[in-house]
Protein backbone atom coordinates (compact mmCIF):
# COMPACT_ATOMS: atom_id res chain seq x y z
CA UNK A 1 0.01 -0.03 -0.01
CA UNK A 2 1.24 3.47 -0.88
CA UNK A 3 2.54 5.56 2.04
CA UNK A 4 0.62 8.82 1.36
CA UNK A 5 1.98 10.40 4.56
CA UNK A 6 5.56 9.88 3.37
CA UNK A 7 4.66 11.16 -0.04
CA UNK A 8 3.62 14.52 1.42
CA UNK A 9 6.56 14.65 3.78
CA UNK A 10 8.95 14.03 0.93
CA UNK A 11 7.49 16.87 -1.14
CA UNK A 12 7.59 19.27 1.84
CA UNK A 13 11.20 18.34 2.50
CA UNK A 14 12.30 18.73 -1.12
CA UNK A 15 12.90 15.03 -1.81
CA UNK A 16 12.14 13.24 -5.10
CA UNK A 17 8.64 11.70 -5.28
CA UNK A 18 7.15 9.05 -7.63
CA UNK A 19 4.04 11.22 -8.14
CA UNK A 20 2.68 14.64 -7.35
CA UNK A 21 0.28 14.84 -4.41
CA UNK A 22 -3.24 16.11 -4.93
CA UNK A 23 -5.55 17.69 -2.34
CA UNK A 24 -8.97 19.47 -2.35
CA UNK A 25 -11.35 20.54 0.45
CA UNK A 26 -14.93 21.69 0.87
CA UNK A 27 -17.31 22.89 3.54
CA UNK A 28 -19.78 20.82 5.58
CA UNK A 29 -22.32 23.51 6.49
CA UNK A 30 -25.27 24.64 4.32
CA UNK A 31 -27.56 27.63 4.06
CA UNK A 32 -31.19 27.00 3.04
CA UNK A 33 -31.73 27.98 -0.64
CA UNK A 34 -34.65 30.29 0.15
CA UNK A 35 -32.67 32.22 2.71
CA UNK A 36 -29.66 32.45 0.41
CA UNK A 37 -31.92 33.85 -2.32
CA UNK A 38 -33.30 36.50 -0.01
CA UNK A 39 -29.95 37.51 1.34
CA UNK A 40 -28.46 37.71 -2.16
CA UNK A 41 -31.16 40.05 -3.27
CA UNK A 42 -30.73 42.49 -0.35
CA UNK A 43 -28.71 45.51 -1.30
CA UNK A 44 -26.55 46.76 1.56
CA UNK A 45 -26.53 45.42 5.11
CA UNK A 46 -28.87 42.54 5.93
CA UNK A 47 -32.21 43.25 7.68
CA UNK A 48 -32.13 39.86 9.33
CA UNK A 49 -30.70 40.10 12.84
CA UNK A 50 -27.93 37.58 13.67
CA UNK A 51 -29.92 35.94 16.40
CA UNK A 52 -32.68 35.17 13.87
CA UNK A 53 -30.09 33.67 11.46
CA UNK A 54 -28.81 31.46 14.29
CA UNK A 55 -32.34 30.00 14.68
CA UNK A 56 -32.98 29.64 10.89
CA UNK A 57 -29.57 28.13 10.21
CA UNK A 58 -28.59 26.10 13.26
CA UNK A 59 -25.76 24.41 11.21
CA UNK A 60 -24.13 27.75 10.53
CA UNK A 61 -20.33 28.21 10.21
CA UNK A 62 -20.03 30.28 13.37
CA UNK A 63 -21.61 28.70 16.48
CA UNK A 64 -20.61 25.05 16.66
CA UNK A 65 -19.24 25.76 20.13
CA UNK A 66 -22.86 26.17 21.30
CA UNK A 67 -24.73 23.56 19.32
CA UNK A 68 -24.07 19.89 18.27
CA UNK A 69 -25.71 19.70 14.84
CA UNK A 70 -22.94 21.01 12.65
CA UNK A 71 -20.12 19.27 14.54
CA UNK A 72 -21.87 15.91 14.14
CA UNK A 73 -22.51 16.38 10.42
CA UNK A 74 -19.01 17.75 9.88
CA UNK A 75 -17.39 14.80 11.62
CA UNK A 76 -19.45 12.38 9.65
CA UNK A 77 -18.75 14.15 6.38
CA UNK A 78 -14.98 14.31 6.99
CA UNK A 79 -14.89 10.59 7.76
CA UNK A 80 -17.19 9.53 4.90
CA UNK A 81 -15.26 11.51 2.29
CA UNK A 82 -11.90 10.36 3.51
CA UNK A 83 -12.89 6.70 3.20
CA UNK A 84 -14.31 7.31 -0.27
CA UNK A 85 -11.37 9.28 -1.66
CA UNK A 86 -8.30 8.28 0.42
CA UNK A 87 -6.71 11.66 -0.21
CA UNK A 88 -3.00 12.41 -0.16
CA UNK A 89 -3.49 14.78 2.81
CA UNK A 90 -6.42 16.22 4.76
CA UNK A 91 -7.32 19.76 5.53
CA UNK A 92 -9.89 19.67 8.37
CA UNK A 93 -12.48 22.38 7.91
CA UNK A 94 -13.13 24.64 10.91
CA UNK A 95 -16.83 24.99 10.04
CA UNK A 96 -18.67 26.36 13.06
CA UNK A 97 -15.72 28.27 14.42
CA UNK A 98 -15.12 30.97 11.82
CA UNK A 99 -15.05 33.94 14.18
CA UNK A 100 -14.02 34.63 17.80
CA UNK A 101 -16.99 34.33 20.18
CA UNK A 102 -16.70 37.95 21.36
CA UNK A 103 -17.20 39.13 17.76
CA UNK A 104 -20.42 37.16 17.54
CA UNK A 105 -21.83 37.89 20.97
CA UNK A 106 -21.24 41.65 20.58
CA UNK A 107 -22.25 41.74 16.90
CA UNK A 108 -19.02 43.46 15.99
CA UNK A 109 -19.26 45.01 12.54
CA UNK A 110 -18.71 48.75 13.35
CA UNK A 111 -16.00 50.74 14.96
CA UNK A 112 -18.05 51.11 18.17
CA UNK A 113 -18.29 47.39 18.48
CA UNK A 114 -14.53 46.89 18.39
CA UNK A 115 -14.29 48.24 21.93
CA UNK A 116 -16.43 45.35 23.18
CA UNK A 117 -14.05 42.59 22.02
CA UNK A 118 -12.77 40.69 25.03
CA UNK A 119 -10.71 37.53 25.57
CA UNK A 120 -12.43 34.24 26.29
CA UNK A 121 -9.52 32.21 27.72
CA UNK A 122 -8.34 28.60 27.28
CA UNK A 123 -11.33 26.88 28.83
CA UNK A 124 -14.01 28.51 26.53
CA UNK A 125 -16.00 26.02 24.43
CA UNK A 126 -14.78 27.77 21.25
CA UNK A 127 -11.37 26.42 22.07
CA UNK A 128 -12.25 23.15 23.84
CA UNK A 129 -14.72 21.94 21.25
CA UNK A 130 -12.26 22.61 18.41
CA UNK A 131 -9.65 20.56 20.21
CA UNK A 132 -12.06 17.69 20.73
CA UNK A 133 -13.25 17.85 17.10
CA UNK A 134 -9.76 17.80 15.68
CA UNK A 135 -8.49 15.11 18.03
CA UNK A 136 -11.33 12.76 16.99
CA UNK A 137 -10.56 13.19 13.30
CA UNK A 138 -6.78 12.86 13.71
CA UNK A 139 -7.33 9.60 15.56
CA UNK A 140 -9.68 8.45 12.81
CA UNK A 141 -7.06 9.11 10.13
CA UNK A 142 -4.73 6.94 12.21
CA UNK A 143 -1.44 8.37 10.84
CA UNK A 144 -2.18 7.39 7.22
CA UNK A 145 -1.90 11.01 6.00
CA UNK A 146 -0.68 14.41 7.13
CA UNK A 147 -3.49 16.42 8.67
CA UNK A 148 -3.81 20.22 8.68
CA UNK A 149 -6.44 22.35 10.40
CA UNK A 150 -7.95 25.58 9.11
CA UNK A 151 -7.19 28.68 11.16
CA UNK A 152 -8.23 32.16 10.17
CA UNK A 153 -6.10 35.24 10.80
CA UNK A 154 -7.56 37.64 13.38
CA UNK A 155 -8.74 40.31 10.89
CA UNK A 156 -10.29 37.58 8.79
CA UNK A 157 -12.42 36.55 11.76
CA UNK A 158 -13.92 40.02 11.88
CA UNK A 159 -14.52 40.00 8.14
CA UNK A 160 -16.45 36.75 8.16
CA UNK A 161 -19.10 38.06 10.65
CA UNK A 162 -19.42 41.49 8.95
CA UNK A 163 -19.57 40.01 5.45
CA UNK A 164 -21.56 36.80 5.80
CA UNK A 165 -23.89 37.58 8.69
CA UNK A 166 -24.29 41.39 8.76
CA UNK A 167 -23.74 41.43 4.97
CA UNK A 168 -22.01 44.84 5.17
CA UNK A 169 -18.99 44.30 2.93
CA UNK A 170 -18.44 48.00 2.29
CA UNK A 171 -18.87 48.93 5.92
CA UNK A 172 -16.24 46.42 6.99
CA UNK A 173 -13.75 47.58 4.41
CA UNK A 174 -14.32 51.15 5.37
CA UNK A 175 -13.73 50.24 9.00
CA UNK A 176 -10.39 48.69 8.18
CA UNK A 177 -9.22 52.06 6.88
CA UNK A 178 -11.07 54.64 8.92
CA UNK A 179 -10.79 52.83 12.28
CA UNK A 180 -7.56 51.02 11.60
CA UNK A 181 -6.02 51.51 15.07
CA UNK A 182 -9.16 50.19 16.78
CA UNK A 183 -9.22 47.17 14.42
CA UNK A 184 -5.59 46.45 15.17
CA UNK A 185 -6.17 46.57 18.94
CA UNK A 186 -9.19 44.33 18.73
CA UNK A 187 -7.32 41.95 16.47
CA UNK A 188 -4.60 41.61 19.14
CA UNK A 189 -7.23 40.23 21.56
CA UNK A 190 -8.45 37.78 18.93
CA UNK A 191 -4.86 36.81 18.25
CA UNK A 192 -4.31 36.02 21.95
CA UNK A 193 -7.14 33.51 22.03
CA UNK A 194 -6.25 32.08 18.63
CA UNK A 195 -2.81 31.34 19.93
CA UNK A 196 -4.30 29.62 23.02
CA UNK A 197 -6.27 27.47 20.57
CA UNK A 198 -3.09 26.63 18.62
CA UNK A 199 -1.23 25.67 21.73
CA UNK A 200 -4.05 23.38 22.87
CA UNK A 201 -4.22 21.79 19.38
CA UNK A 202 -0.55 21.18 19.41
CA UNK A 203 -0.48 19.67 22.90
CA UNK A 204 -3.55 17.45 22.63
CA UNK A 205 -4.41 16.37 19.08
CA UNK A 206 -1.44 14.99 17.12
CA UNK A 207 -2.17 17.47 14.30
CA UNK A 208 0.60 17.76 11.69
CA UNK A 209 0.20 21.42 10.93
CA UNK A 210 -2.08 24.35 10.19
CA UNK A 211 -3.70 25.76 7.04
CA UNK A 212 -3.53 29.47 7.85
CA UNK A 213 -5.91 31.81 5.90
CA UNK A 214 -5.01 35.44 5.30
CA UNK A 215 -6.37 38.14 3.04
CA UNK A 216 -5.55 41.73 2.00
CA UNK A 217 -7.89 44.58 2.74
CA UNK A 218 -10.15 45.10 -0.25
CA UNK A 219 -10.60 48.85 -0.04
CA UNK A 220 -8.78 51.51 -2.03
CA UNK A 221 -6.44 53.32 0.35
CA UNK A 222 -5.50 50.19 2.25
CA UNK A 223 -2.04 50.07 0.70
CA UNK A 224 1.12 48.20 1.58
CA UNK A 225 1.87 50.60 4.44
CA UNK A 226 -1.61 50.10 5.86
CA UNK A 227 -1.20 46.36 5.59
CA UNK A 228 2.22 46.30 7.27
CA UNK A 229 1.12 48.56 10.14
CA UNK A 230 -2.39 47.35 10.92
CA UNK A 231 -2.96 43.84 9.51
CA UNK A 232 0.45 42.18 9.25
CA UNK A 233 1.36 42.39 12.98
CA UNK A 234 -1.47 40.11 14.06
CA UNK A 235 -1.16 37.95 10.94
CA UNK A 236 2.46 37.36 11.93
CA UNK A 237 1.91 36.89 15.68
CA UNK A 238 -0.32 33.99 14.92
CA UNK A 239 1.82 32.66 12.06
CA UNK A 240 5.01 32.83 14.11
CA UNK A 241 3.41 30.76 16.86
CA UNK A 242 2.12 28.25 14.22
CA UNK A 243 5.69 27.83 12.92
CA UNK A 244 7.03 27.37 16.45
CA UNK A 245 4.50 24.62 17.12
CA UNK A 246 4.68 22.75 13.81
CA UNK A 247 7.41 22.24 11.25
CA UNK A 248 5.20 22.18 8.16
CA UNK A 249 2.30 24.64 7.59
CA UNK A 250 0.22 25.93 4.66
CA UNK A 251 -0.28 29.65 3.98
CA UNK A 252 -3.57 30.24 2.17
CA UNK A 253 -3.85 33.74 0.60
CA UNK A 254 -7.64 33.73 0.22
CA UNK A 255 -9.11 34.80 -3.08
CA UNK A 256 -12.55 33.23 -2.48
CA UNK A 257 -15.35 34.89 -4.47
CA UNK A 258 -12.70 36.54 -6.69
CA UNK A 259 -11.14 38.72 -3.98
CA UNK A 260 -7.77 40.09 -5.06
CA UNK A 261 -4.57 40.08 -2.98
CA UNK A 262 -1.21 41.63 -3.60
CA UNK A 263 0.83 38.47 -3.38
CA UNK A 264 3.98 40.44 -2.76
CA UNK A 265 2.62 41.29 0.70
CA UNK A 266 2.99 37.64 1.65
CA UNK A 267 6.24 36.57 0.02
CA UNK A 268 8.00 36.97 3.39
CA UNK A 269 5.29 35.21 5.43
CA UNK A 270 7.15 31.95 6.32
CA UNK A 271 5.43 28.66 5.47
CA UNK A 272 6.20 25.29 3.93
CA UNK A 273 3.38 25.52 1.37
CA UNK A 274 1.74 28.50 -0.38
CA UNK A 275 -1.80 28.45 -1.82
CA UNK A 276 -3.41 31.41 -3.67
CA UNK A 277 -6.06 32.15 -6.27
CA UNK A 278 -4.08 31.41 -9.40
CA UNK A 279 -6.97 32.30 -11.74
CA UNK A 280 -8.13 35.46 -9.93
CA UNK A 281 -4.64 36.82 -9.34
CA UNK A 282 -3.32 35.80 -12.73
CA UNK A 283 -0.19 34.33 -11.10
CA UNK A 284 0.68 30.83 -12.33
CA UNK A 285 2.01 28.00 -10.27
CA UNK A 286 5.40 28.37 -12.01
CA UNK A 287 5.40 32.09 -11.27
CA UNK A 288 4.54 31.34 -7.69
CA UNK A 289 7.63 29.20 -7.35
CA UNK A 290 9.63 32.30 -8.17
CA UNK A 291 7.75 34.44 -5.67
CA UNK A 292 7.52 32.06 -2.69
CA UNK A 293 10.25 30.04 -1.01
CA UNK A 294 8.32 26.81 -0.54
CA UNK A 295 6.01 24.29 -2.14
CA UNK A 296 3.14 25.67 -4.25
CA UNK A 297 -0.37 24.20 -3.95
CA UNK A 298 -3.32 24.72 -6.30
CA UNK A 299 -3.85 25.27 -10.04
CA UNK A 300 -7.59 24.62 -10.45
CA UNK A 301 -10.16 27.42 -10.42
CA UNK A 302 -12.58 26.63 -7.61
CA UNK A 303 -15.53 28.79 -8.81
CA UNK A 304 -18.87 27.48 -10.06
CA UNK A 305 -18.86 26.93 -13.81
CA UNK A 306 -15.10 26.44 -13.94
CA UNK A 307 -13.33 23.42 -15.49
CA UNK A 308 -13.36 21.31 -12.33
CA UNK A 309 -17.06 21.89 -12.01
CA UNK A 310 -18.33 21.43 -15.59
CA UNK A 311 -15.42 20.22 -17.79
CA UNK A 312 -15.31 16.76 -19.35
CA UNK A 313 -13.12 14.06 -17.93
CA UNK A 314 -10.64 14.44 -20.77
CA UNK A 315 -10.49 18.25 -20.29
CA UNK A 316 -9.86 17.89 -16.57
CA UNK A 317 -7.14 15.27 -17.07
CA UNK A 318 -5.41 17.30 -19.80
CA UNK A 319 -5.49 20.47 -17.70
CA UNK A 320 -3.98 18.63 -14.73
CA UNK A 321 -1.25 17.31 -16.97
CA UNK A 322 -0.51 20.78 -18.41
CA UNK A 323 -0.33 22.13 -14.86
CA UNK A 324 2.43 19.63 -14.10
CA UNK A 325 4.27 20.24 -17.37
CA UNK A 326 4.20 24.05 -17.01
CA UNK A 327 4.90 24.10 -13.28
CA UNK A 328 7.55 21.40 -13.04
CA UNK A 329 7.31 18.36 -10.86
CA UNK A 330 9.35 19.71 -7.90
CA UNK A 331 7.73 21.77 -5.07
CA UNK A 332 4.24 21.07 -6.39
CA UNK A 333 0.94 19.87 -5.03
CA UNK A 334 -2.14 20.00 -7.27
CA UNK A 335 -5.35 21.43 -5.75
CA UNK A 336 -7.66 24.40 -6.13
CA UNK A 337 -7.49 28.12 -5.53
CA UNK A 338 -9.82 27.73 -2.52
CA UNK A 339 -12.77 25.70 -1.29
CA UNK A 340 -14.54 23.66 -3.98
CA UNK A 341 -18.24 22.82 -4.13
CA UNK A 342 -19.24 19.73 -2.14
CA UNK A 343 -21.34 18.76 -5.17
CA UNK A 344 -18.26 17.95 -7.27
CA UNK A 345 -18.04 14.16 -7.63
CA UNK A 346 -15.18 12.52 -5.74
CA UNK A 347 -14.46 10.46 -8.81
CA UNK A 348 -13.46 13.66 -10.57
CA UNK A 349 -10.90 14.39 -7.90
CA UNK A 350 -9.56 10.85 -8.23
CA UNK A 351 -9.10 11.51 -11.99
CA UNK A 352 -6.91 14.52 -11.24
CA UNK A 353 -4.76 12.35 -9.07
CA UNK A 354 -4.47 9.76 -11.84
CA UNK A 355 -3.53 12.55 -14.24
CA UNK A 356 -0.92 13.98 -11.90
CA UNK A 357 0.65 10.55 -11.60
CA UNK A 358 0.71 10.06 -15.39
CA UNK A 359 2.09 13.50 -15.96
CA UNK A 360 4.96 12.78 -13.66
CA UNK A 361 6.20 10.09 -16.06
CA UNK A 362 4.86 10.91 -19.58
CA UNK A 363 7.08 12.63 -22.18
CA UNK A 364 6.29 16.35 -22.57
CA UNK A 365 3.70 17.12 -25.24
CA UNK A 366 2.08 13.66 -25.45
CA UNK A 367 -1.70 14.03 -25.27
CA UNK A 368 -3.98 11.97 -23.09
CA UNK A 369 -6.56 10.32 -25.33
CA UNK A 370 -7.71 7.19 -23.54
CA UNK A 371 -9.93 8.66 -20.82
CA UNK A 372 -13.65 8.53 -21.37
CA UNK A 373 -16.01 11.48 -21.29
């Protein structure tokens, strides 16, 4: 039987491998279609109070520390999909724990709310339930693969609540610029508790590393100086602790929903693996190898209607092979720009792994013609 754990370790440590690893991930929460339709049609901030959303969507991506439903379905989904796909590595999704509890409880989406952010400490269910959740999955995977857990940078944790619950995208981006010092102070508090979470995960779960998600401010005026003074300090406090606790970690520069990032901001963020929105940013995997000092992960557009979603089997296989040929076989893991739809058939992902293996050995330029539609 193939040692998939050793395969990943060899790639991360710069050793030759017999094939290129492949990894994708998806969420385990859902929003009712009718509610999604209503929310999408609302212009400006949502008229639905957060406490109403919590009742309508009990399996929401924020409050798994208070309810059992999402944790149970997420555990079951992670285990089911692992057994069906036997992936080369696992990224455990932190569904239900997207934002610090103080952000949720105080409905922090304005500058005034930032002053209400307070620490929760190491015994809070937001920390303890994540540790229990990750521990159960790591034990289930039983050392077969490397396992990484999703952690969001402090400023990202504010964005999720403001953007997905309050639905005030512009207001949040304005706050990043106009109340930058208050944002930075509140982010320090969130960073403190995020570090407590990391330390507990390291001490108690057997986790192999962290998938750390960061993002640039999306407002004109939030330039490199703004990033370095008000966002980077808490980004790096958390990332530095991650790198102290684990040898191998993944930096995800999030371009979900076509958000843009200046990748140069992150070239000095230390990580073993770098993952960014290749298609949104227009920066190829080969170009990423020049920008980042580490392994590059990705290549497939994750958005609805993209190749991985609607392409034929032959198209998917040939694209995967081209990625390998154009990127080179060293320092490479195939995956997506970000989270893919859970509706994508697992057989399609297995095809990509097959194509990556073939591309590792086929002569350059030889077309794949024997895969069915």
